[in-house]
PDB file of all heavy atoms in Angstrom:
ATOM      1  N   ASP A   1     163.749 106.982 126.223  1.00  0.00           N
ATOM      2  CA  ASP A   1     162.993 105.816 125.668  1.00  0.00           C
ATOM      3  C   ASP A   1     162.706 105.995 124.235  1.00  0.00           C
ATOM      4  O   ASP A   1     162.304 105.078 123.571  1.00  0.00           O
ATOM      5  CB  ASP A   1     161.742 105.741 126.472  1.00  0.00           C
ATOM      6  CG  ASP A   1     161.869 105.436 127.945  1.00  0.00           C
ATOM      7  OD1 ASP A   1     162.802 104.733 128.281  1.00  0.00           O
ATOM      8  OD2 ASP A   1     161.065 105.943 128.705  1.00  0.00           O
ATOM      9  N   ILE A   2     162.930 107.202 123.756  1.00  0.00           N
ATOM     10  CA  ILE A   2     162.532 107.492 122.327  1.00  0.00           C
ATOM     11  C   ILE A   2     163.707 107.220 121.429  1.00  0.00           C
ATOM     12  O   ILE A   2     164.868 107.728 121.702  1.00  0.00           O
ATOM     13  CB  ILE A   2     162.056 109.022 122.223  1.00  0.00           C
ATOM     14  CG1 ILE A   2     160.781 109.249 123.026  1.00  0.00           C
ATOM     15  CG2 ILE A   2     161.828 109.428 120.745  1.00  0.00           C
ATOM     16  CD1 ILE A   2     160.392 110.699 123.219  1.00  0.00           C
ATOM     17  N   PRO A   3     163.486 106.479 120.367  1.00  0.00           N
ATOM     18  CA  PRO A   3     164.606 106.103 119.469  1.00  0.00           C
ATOM     19  C   PRO A   3     165.242 107.394 118.834  1.00  0.00           C
ATOM     20  O   PRO A   3     164.645 108.395 118.647  1.00  0.00           O
ATOM     21  CB  PRO A   3     163.972 105.275 118.358  1.00  0.00           C
ATOM     22  CG  PRO A   3     162.733 104.735 118.986  1.00  0.00           C
ATOM     23  CD  PRO A   3     162.225 105.809 119.938  1.00  0.00           C
ATOM     24  N   GLU A   4     166.581 107.202 118.674  1.00  0.00           N
ATOM     25  CA  GLU A   4     167.343 108.344 118.063  1.00  0.00           C
ATOM     26  C   GLU A   4     166.683 108.750 116.728  1.00  0.00           C
ATOM     27  O   GLU A   4     166.354 107.889 115.932  1.00  0.00           O
ATOM     28  CB  GLU A   4     168.800 107.894 117.822  1.00  0.00           C
ATOM     29  CG  GLU A   4     169.628 107.700 119.047  1.00  0.00           C
ATOM     30  CD  GLU A   4     170.098 109.009 119.700  1.00  0.00           C
ATOM     31  OE1 GLU A   4     170.053 110.017 118.997  1.00  0.00           O
ATOM     32  OE2 GLU A   4     170.492 109.028 120.907  1.00  0.00           O
ATOM     33  N   GLY A   5     166.647 110.041 116.520  1.00  0.00           N
ATOM     34  CA  GLY A   5     166.063 110.555 115.310  1.00  0.00           C
ATOM     35  C   GLY A   5     164.547 110.639 115.211  1.00  0.00           C
ATOM     36  O   GLY A   5     163.955 111.009 114.211  1.00  0.00           O
ATOM     37  N   LYS A   6     163.887 110.200 116.293  1.00  0.00           N
ATOM     38  CA  LYS A   6     162.379 110.105 116.338  1.00  0.00           C
ATOM     39  C   LYS A   6     161.737 111.100 117.282  1.00  0.00           C
ATOM     40  O   LYS A   6     160.554 110.974 117.474  1.00  0.00           O
ATOM     41  CB  LYS A   6     161.983 108.700 116.638  1.00  0.00           C
ATOM     42  CG  LYS A   6     162.393 107.602 115.651  1.00  0.00           C
ATOM     43  CD  LYS A   6     161.781 107.821 114.287  1.00  0.00           C
ATOM     44  CE  LYS A   6     162.143 106.760 113.316  1.00  0.00           C
ATOM     45  NZ  LYS A   6     161.492 106.905 111.977  1.00  0.00           N
ATOM     46  N   MET A   7     162.482 112.087 117.853  1.00  0.00           N
ATOM     47  CA  MET A   7     161.935 112.866 118.819  1.00  0.00           C
ATOM     48  C   MET A   7     160.750 113.718 118.310  1.00  0.00           C
ATOM     49  O   MET A   7     159.631 113.756 118.979  1.00  0.00           O
ATOM     50  CB  MET A   7     162.948 113.834 119.329  1.00  0.00           C
ATOM     51  CG  MET A   7     162.505 114.730 120.550  1.00  0.00           C
ATOM     52  SD  MET A   7     162.192 113.694 122.053  1.00  0.00           S
ATOM     53  CE  MET A   7     163.849 113.132 122.470  1.00  0.00           C
ATOM     54  N   ILE A   8     160.884 114.318 117.134  1.00  0.00           N
ATOM     55  CA  ILE A   8     159.783 115.119 116.619  1.00  0.00           C
ATOM     56  C   ILE A   8     158.620 114.267 116.266  1.00  0.00           C
ATOM     57  O   ILE A   8     157.415 114.633 116.403  1.00  0.00           O
ATOM     58  CB  ILE A   8     160.316 115.956 115.407  1.00  0.00           C
ATOM     59  CG1 ILE A   8     161.186 117.082 115.915  1.00  0.00           C
ATOM     60  CG2 ILE A   8     159.118 116.569 114.633  1.00  0.00           C
ATOM     61  CD1 ILE A   8     161.841 117.964 114.831  1.00  0.00           C
ATOM     62  N   ASP A   9     158.882 113.039 115.772  1.00  0.00           N
ATOM     63  CA  ASP A   9     157.787 112.097 115.443  1.00  0.00           C
ATOM     64  C   ASP A   9     156.962 111.831 116.652  1.00  0.00           C
ATOM     65  O   ASP A   9     155.724 111.833 116.584  1.00  0.00           O
ATOM     66  CB  ASP A   9     158.388 110.792 114.944  1.00  0.00           C
ATOM     67  CG  ASP A   9     158.996 110.897 113.577  1.00  0.00           C
ATOM     68  OD1 ASP A   9     158.546 111.816 112.845  1.00  0.00           O
ATOM     69  OD2 ASP A   9     159.900 110.072 113.266  1.00  0.00           O
ATOM     70  N   TYR A  10     157.571 111.625 117.822  1.00  0.00           N
ATOM     71  CA  TYR A  10     156.839 111.345 119.064  1.00  0.00           C
ATOM     72  C   TYR A  10     156.216 112.586 119.645  1.00  0.00           C
ATOM     73  O   TYR A  10     155.114 112.500 120.227  1.00  0.00           O
ATOM     74  CB  TYR A  10     157.725 110.615 120.065  1.00  0.00           C
ATOM     75  CG  TYR A  10     157.788 109.149 119.780  1.00  0.00           C
ATOM     76  CD1 TYR A  10     158.823 108.585 118.973  1.00  0.00           C
ATOM     77  CD2 TYR A  10     156.779 108.241 120.235  1.00  0.00           C
ATOM     78  CE1 TYR A  10     158.915 107.287 118.710  1.00  0.00           C
ATOM     79  CE2 TYR A  10     156.909 106.880 120.000  1.00  0.00           C
ATOM     80  CZ  TYR A  10     157.942 106.434 119.161  1.00  0.00           C
ATOM     81  OH  TYR A  10     158.003 105.036 118.880  1.00  0.00           O
ATOM     82  N   LEU A  11     156.788 113.788 119.474  1.00  0.00           N
ATOM     83  CA  LEU A  11     156.146 114.918 119.858  1.00  0.00           C
ATOM     84  C   LEU A  11     154.844 115.158 119.040  1.00  0.00           C
ATOM     85  O   LEU A  11     153.823 115.567 119.561  1.00  0.00           O
ATOM     86  CB  LEU A  11     157.067 116.148 119.666  1.00  0.00           C
ATOM     87  CG  LEU A  11     158.216 116.285 120.608  1.00  0.00           C
ATOM     88  CD1 LEU A  11     159.248 117.362 120.162  1.00  0.00           C
ATOM     89  CD2 LEU A  11     157.734 116.570 122.066  1.00  0.00           C
ATOM     90  N   MET A  12     154.917 114.908 117.737  1.00  0.00           N
ATOM     91  CA  MET A  12     153.768 115.005 116.861  1.00  0.00           C
ATOM     92  C   MET A  12     152.723 113.978 117.318  1.00  0.00           C
ATOM     93  O   MET A  12     151.537 114.296 117.315  1.00  0.00           O
ATOM     94  CB  MET A  12     154.136 114.815 115.426  1.00  0.00           C
ATOM     95  CG  MET A  12     154.910 115.930 114.761  1.00  0.00           C
ATOM     96  SD  MET A  12     154.087 117.470 114.591  1.00  0.00           S
ATOM     97  CE  MET A  12     152.913 116.977 113.273  1.00  0.00           C
ATOM     98  N   ALA A  13     153.189 112.824 117.682  1.00  0.00           N
ATOM     99  CA  ALA A  13     152.264 111.765 118.157  1.00  0.00           C
ATOM    100  C   ALA A  13     151.477 112.154 119.331  1.00  0.00           C
ATOM    101  O   ALA A  13     150.289 111.929 119.488  1.00  0.00           O
ATOM    102  CB  ALA A  13     152.975 110.466 118.339  1.00  0.00           C
ATOM    103  N   SER A  14     152.208 112.826 120.235  1.00  0.00           N
ATOM    104  CA  SER A  14     151.579 113.257 121.553  1.00  0.00           C
ATOM    105  C   SER A  14     150.541 114.293 121.339  1.00  0.00           C
ATOM    106  O   SER A  14     149.578 114.413 122.013  1.00  0.00           O
ATOM    107  CB  SER A  14     152.667 113.799 122.466  1.00  0.00           C
ATOM    108  OG  SER A  14     152.111 114.266 123.778  1.00  0.00           O
ATOM    109  N   ALA A  15     150.625 115.123 120.195  1.00  0.00           N
ATOM    110  CA  ALA A  15     149.745 116.155 119.889  1.00  0.00           C
ATOM    111  C   ALA A  15     148.902 115.881 118.721  1.00  0.00           C
ATOM    112  O   ALA A  15     148.343 116.722 118.003  1.00  0.00           O
ATOM    113  CB  ALA A  15     150.551 117.432 119.615  1.00  0.00           C
ATOM    114  N   SER A  16     148.612 114.555 118.417  1.00  0.00           N
ATOM    115  CA  SER A  16     147.766 114.149 117.301  1.00  0.00           C
ATOM    116  C   SER A  16     146.292 114.255 117.616  1.00  0.00           C
ATOM    117  O   SER A  16     145.635 113.298 117.947  1.00  0.00           O
ATOM    118  CB  SER A  16     148.169 112.683 116.846  1.00  0.00           C
ATOM    119  OG  SER A  16     147.513 112.427 115.666  1.00  0.00           O
ATOM    120  N   PHE A  17     145.770 115.490 117.476  1.00  0.00           N
ATOM    121  CA  PHE A  17     144.401 115.729 117.836  1.00  0.00           C
ATOM    122  C   PHE A  17     143.509 115.017 116.863  1.00  0.00           C
ATOM    123  O   PHE A  17     143.755 114.847 115.664  1.00  0.00           O
ATOM    124  CB  PHE A  17     144.194 117.246 117.698  1.00  0.00           C
ATOM    125  CG  PHE A  17     142.932 117.759 118.271  1.00  0.00           C
ATOM    126  CD1 PHE A  17     142.692 118.032 119.549  1.00  0.00           C
ATOM    127  CD2 PHE A  17     141.791 117.980 117.381  1.00  0.00           C
ATOM    128  CE1 PHE A  17     141.550 118.544 120.094  1.00  0.00           C
ATOM    129  CE2 PHE A  17     140.614 118.481 117.856  1.00  0.00           C
ATOM    130  CZ  PHE A  17     140.482 118.806 119.233  1.00  0.00           C
ATOM    131  N   PRO A  18     142.340 114.584 117.342  1.00  0.00           N
ATOM    132  CA  PRO A  18     141.347 113.885 116.446  1.00  0.00           C
ATOM    133  C   PRO A  18     140.887 114.776 115.282  1.00  0.00           C
ATOM    134  O   PRO A  18     140.573 115.919 115.456  1.00  0.00           O
ATOM    135  CB  PRO A  18     140.115 113.647 117.331  1.00  0.00           C
ATOM    136  CG  PRO A  18     140.742 113.471 118.739  1.00  0.00           C
ATOM    137  CD  PRO A  18     141.899 114.500 118.722  1.00  0.00           C
ATOM    138  N   GLY A  19     141.020 114.205 114.076  1.00  0.00           N
ATOM    139  CA  GLY A  19     140.807 115.059 112.824  1.00  0.00           C
ATOM    140  C   GLY A  19     142.111 115.368 112.111  1.00  0.00           C
ATOM    141  O   GLY A  19     142.069 115.773 110.940  1.00  0.00           O
ATOM    142  N   PHE A  20     143.245 115.274 112.837  1.00  0.00           N
ATOM    143  CA  PHE A  20     144.550 115.531 112.182  1.00  0.00           C
ATOM    144  C   PHE A  20     144.847 114.261 111.347  1.00  0.00           C
ATOM    145  O   PHE A  20     144.487 113.138 111.643  1.00  0.00           O
ATOM    146  CB  PHE A  20     145.633 115.716 113.210  1.00  0.00           C
ATOM    147  CG  PHE A  20     145.642 117.071 113.880  1.00  0.00           C
ATOM    148  CD1 PHE A  20     144.701 118.064 113.555  1.00  0.00           C
ATOM    149  CD2 PHE A  20     146.637 117.381 114.806  1.00  0.00           C
ATOM    150  CE1 PHE A  20     144.683 119.300 114.146  1.00  0.00           C
ATOM    151  CE2 PHE A  20     146.669 118.623 115.384  1.00  0.00           C
ATOM    152  CZ  PHE A  20     145.751 119.557 115.077  1.00  0.00           C
ATOM    153  N   LYS A  21     145.668 114.495 110.343  1.00  0.00           N
ATOM    154  CA  LYS A  21     146.190 113.394 109.564  1.00  0.00           C
ATOM    155  C   LYS A  21     147.078 112.539 110.450  1.00  0.00           C
ATOM    156  O   LYS A  21     147.987 113.028 111.196  1.00  0.00           O
ATOM    157  CB  LYS A  21     147.016 113.894 108.373  1.00  0.00           C
ATOM    158  CG  LYS A  21     147.550 112.819 107.487  1.00  0.00           C
ATOM    159  CD  LYS A  21     148.334 113.431 106.287  1.00  0.00           C
ATOM    160  CE  LYS A  21     148.888 112.382 105.438  1.00  0.00           C
ATOM    161  NZ  LYS A  21     149.700 112.970 104.259  1.00  0.00           N
ATOM    162  N   LEU A  22     146.939 111.242 110.411  1.00  0.00           N
ATOM    163  CA  LEU A  22     147.706 110.309 111.239  1.00  0.00           C
ATOM    164  C   LEU A  22     148.920 109.864 110.442  1.00  0.00           C
ATOM    165  O   LEU A  22     148.830 109.344 109.304  1.00  0.00           O
ATOM    166  CB  LEU A  22     146.856 109.090 111.590  1.00  0.00           C
ATOM    167  CG  LEU A  22     145.658 109.350 112.499  1.00  0.00           C
ATOM    168  CD1 LEU A  22     144.857 108.102 112.648  1.00  0.00           C
ATOM    169  CD2 LEU A  22     146.189 109.841 113.865  1.00  0.00           C
ATOM    170  N   ASN A  23     150.071 110.178 111.016  1.00  0.00           N
ATOM    171  CA  ASN A  23     151.388 109.814 110.413  1.00  0.00           C
ATOM    172  C   ASN A  23     152.003 108.693 111.221  1.00  0.00           C
ATOM    173  O   ASN A  23     152.250 108.886 112.425  1.00  0.00           O
ATOM    174  CB  ASN A  23     152.317 111.015 110.341  1.00  0.00           C
ATOM    175  CG  ASN A  23     151.724 112.103 109.476  1.00  0.00           C
ATOM    176  OD1 ASN A  23     151.547 111.872 108.266  1.00  0.00           O
ATOM    177  ND2 ASN A  23     151.456 113.214 109.995  1.00  0.00           N
ATOM    178  N   PRO A  24     152.242 107.524 110.641  1.00  0.00           N
ATOM    179  CA  PRO A  24     152.743 106.379 111.408  1.00  0.00           C
ATOM    180  C   PRO A  24     154.170 106.593 111.811  1.00  0.00           C
ATOM    181  O   PRO A  24     154.914 107.276 111.207  1.00  0.00           O
ATOM    182  CB  PRO A  24     152.595 105.175 110.440  1.00  0.00           C
ATOM    183  CG  PRO A  24     152.673 105.842 109.109  1.00  0.00           C
ATOM    184  CD  PRO A  24     152.026 107.243 109.220  1.00  0.00           C
ATOM    185  N   ILE A  25     154.513 105.978 112.958  1.00  0.00           N
ATOM    186  CA  ILE A  25     155.950 105.818 113.362  1.00  0.00           C
ATOM    187  C   ILE A  25     156.228 104.320 113.185  1.00  0.00           C
ATOM    188  O   ILE A  25     155.697 103.492 113.921  1.00  0.00           O
ATOM    189  CB  ILE A  25     156.153 106.276 114.772  1.00  0.00           C
ATOM    190  CG1 ILE A  25     155.794 107.676 114.955  1.00  0.00           C
ATOM    191  CG2 ILE A  25     157.617 106.084 115.155  1.00  0.00           C
ATOM    192  CD1 ILE A  25     155.898 108.251 116.343  1.00  0.00           C
ATOM    193  N   GLY A  26     157.000 103.952 112.189  1.00  0.00           N
ATOM    194  CA  GLY A  26     157.148 102.595 111.761  1.00  0.00           C
ATOM    195  C   GLY A  26     155.856 102.090 111.247  1.00  0.00           C
ATOM    196  O   GLY A  26     155.296 102.681 110.291  1.00  0.00           O
TER     197      GLY A  26
END
């Protein structure tokens, strides 16, 4: 389900603890 080339982006999203810098996907 994860777009090609975006695996690490979504892994980071899953582990985006409150207080961490938020990096958008799209």
